[in-house]
Amino acid sequence: RPEGESLFETEIELCKQRYGEETVKVVSMKALSMKEQVELVTNSAILVSNHGGGSAISLFLPRGAAMFLYFDDYARDAEFYQSVSHFRTHYIGEDRHHVNRTMALIDFEVAT
């Protein structure tokens, strides 16, 4: 993706409106050191990420957290995330354009 472009622009804006700018943090993980990434994730209730190596930081999510994982090939990472028991994973793939569904899941996780 081009620098600065997110797959979740609409969701980010809706989350900021619903939960506040101070609650919703949008970061470029590649701009952070590994230590900073781990500190950020260990203090996160919800992580939104693309599939692949960058989403492996989710292993540091606290127990009971949730991850929203955008994928273009479900089988690629599915076994890995299905084997993790300390956080829930929501897959967002071909139905990516269903913002209302994604927001309903985010609202559910925030309320949990």
Protein backbone atom coordinates (compact mmCIF):
# COMPACT_ATOMS: atom_id res chain seq x y z
CA ARG A 1 0.00 0.00 0.00
CA PRO A 2 1.21 3.53 -0.59
CA GLU A 3 2.84 5.22 2.41
CA GLY A 4 0.28 6.55 4.85
CA GLU A 5 -2.65 4.68 3.30
CA SER A 6 -4.73 2.39 5.49
CA LEU A 7 -7.22 -0.31 4.61
CA PHE A 8 -9.43 0.88 7.44
CA GLU A 9 -9.88 4.62 6.80
CA THR A 10 -13.66 4.54 7.31
CA GLU A 11 -13.50 2.39 10.44
CA ILE A 12 -10.76 4.56 11.93
CA GLU A 13 -12.87 7.69 11.47
CA LEU A 14 -16.00 6.02 12.91
CA CYS A 15 -14.05 4.67 15.90
CA LYS A 16 -12.55 8.09 16.62
CA GLN A 17 -16.05 9.59 16.54
CA ARG A 18 -17.50 6.88 18.82
CA TYR A 19 -14.65 6.32 21.26
CA GLY A 20 -12.58 9.50 21.06
CA GLU A 21 -9.23 10.51 19.63
CA GLU A 22 -7.47 9.66 22.91
CA THR A 23 -8.72 6.05 22.79
CA VAL A 24 -8.12 5.22 19.12
CA LYS A 25 -4.43 5.08 18.25
CA VAL A 26 -3.30 4.76 14.65
CA VAL A 27 0.39 3.96 14.33
CA SER A 28 2.84 2.76 11.75
CA MET A 29 4.47 -0.20 13.47
CA LYS A 30 7.50 0.03 11.22
CA ALA A 31 8.23 3.45 12.71
CA LEU A 32 8.46 1.93 16.22
CA SER A 33 11.21 -0.11 17.80
CA MET A 34 10.35 -3.69 18.75
CA LYS A 35 10.19 -2.65 22.40
CA GLU A 36 7.77 0.18 21.59
CA GLN A 37 5.61 -2.19 19.52
CA VAL A 38 5.41 -4.71 22.35
CA GLU A 39 4.58 -1.99 24.90
CA LEU A 40 1.84 -0.64 22.65
CA VAL A 41 0.28 -4.03 21.94
CA THR A 42 0.42 -5.28 25.53
CA ASN A 43 -1.71 -2.26 26.45
CA SER A 44 -4.23 -2.69 23.62
CA ALA A 45 -7.74 -4.10 23.87
CA ILE A 46 -8.18 -4.28 20.09
CA LEU A 47 -5.57 -4.58 17.36
CA VAL A 48 -6.36 -4.09 13.67
CA SER A 49 -3.76 -5.47 11.28
CA ASN A 50 -3.06 -6.91 7.87
CA HIS A 51 -2.15 -10.60 7.75
CA GLY A 52 1.44 -11.66 7.52
CA GLY A 53 4.57 -11.05 9.54
CA GLY A 54 3.43 -7.70 10.90
CA SER A 55 0.42 -9.27 12.57
CA ALA A 56 2.65 -11.64 14.55
CA ILE A 57 3.00 -8.87 17.15
CA SER A 58 -0.51 -9.91 18.19
CA LEU A 59 1.10 -12.61 20.31
CA PHE A 60 1.74 -9.83 22.84
CA LEU A 61 -1.94 -8.87 23.14
CA PRO A 62 -3.27 -9.23 26.68
CA ARG A 63 -5.63 -12.06 27.60
CA GLY A 64 -9.17 -11.27 26.45
CA ALA A 65 -8.15 -8.81 23.72
CA ALA A 66 -9.32 -9.00 20.12
CA MET A 67 -7.65 -8.68 16.75
CA PHE A 68 -9.24 -7.70 13.47
CA LEU A 69 -7.18 -9.32 10.75
CA TYR A 70 -7.48 -8.24 7.13
CA PHE A 71 -6.54 -11.07 4.79
CA ASP A 72 -6.58 -11.86 1.10
CA ASP A 73 -5.94 -15.58 1.61
CA TYR A 74 -7.68 -16.99 4.69
CA ALA A 75 -5.71 -20.25 4.66
CA ARG A 76 -2.37 -18.47 4.88
CA ASP A 77 -2.61 -17.47 8.56
CA ALA A 78 -5.73 -19.28 9.74
CA GLU A 79 -4.05 -22.18 11.55
CA PHE A 80 -1.76 -19.83 13.44
CA TYR A 81 -4.56 -17.58 14.70
CA GLN A 82 -6.91 -20.49 15.43
CA SER A 83 -4.29 -21.96 17.73
CA VAL A 84 -4.00 -18.79 19.86
CA SER A 85 -6.26 -18.98 22.88
CA HIS A 86 -5.66 -15.75 24.77
CA PHE A 87 -7.32 -13.36 22.26
CA ARG A 88 -10.14 -13.51 19.72
CA THR A 89 -9.52 -13.04 16.01
CA HIS A 90 -12.06 -11.57 13.59
CA TYR A 91 -11.21 -12.12 9.93
CA ILE A 92 -12.01 -9.38 7.44
CA GLY A 93 -11.58 -10.49 3.85
CA GLU A 94 -13.66 -10.35 0.72
CA ASP A 95 -16.52 -8.76 2.67
CA ARG A 96 -14.16 -5.86 3.42
CA HIS A 97 -16.67 -3.35 2.08
CA HIS A 98 -19.21 -4.21 4.82
CA VAL A 99 -18.22 -1.41 7.19
CA ASN A 100 -21.39 -1.82 9.27
CA ARG A 101 -20.50 -5.47 10.00
CA THR A 102 -16.96 -4.56 10.98
CA MET A 103 -18.16 -1.71 13.20
CA ALA A 104 -20.73 -4.00 14.87
CA LEU A 105 -17.90 -6.41 15.74
CA ILE A 106 -15.73 -3.56 17.05
CA ASP A 107 -18.65 -2.29 19.15
CA PHE A 108 -19.14 -5.82 20.51
CA GLU A 109 -15.47 -6.10 21.47
CA VAL A 110 -15.46 -2.67 23.12
CA ALA A 111 -18.50 -3.66 25.19
CA THR A 112 -16.92 -6.99 26.20
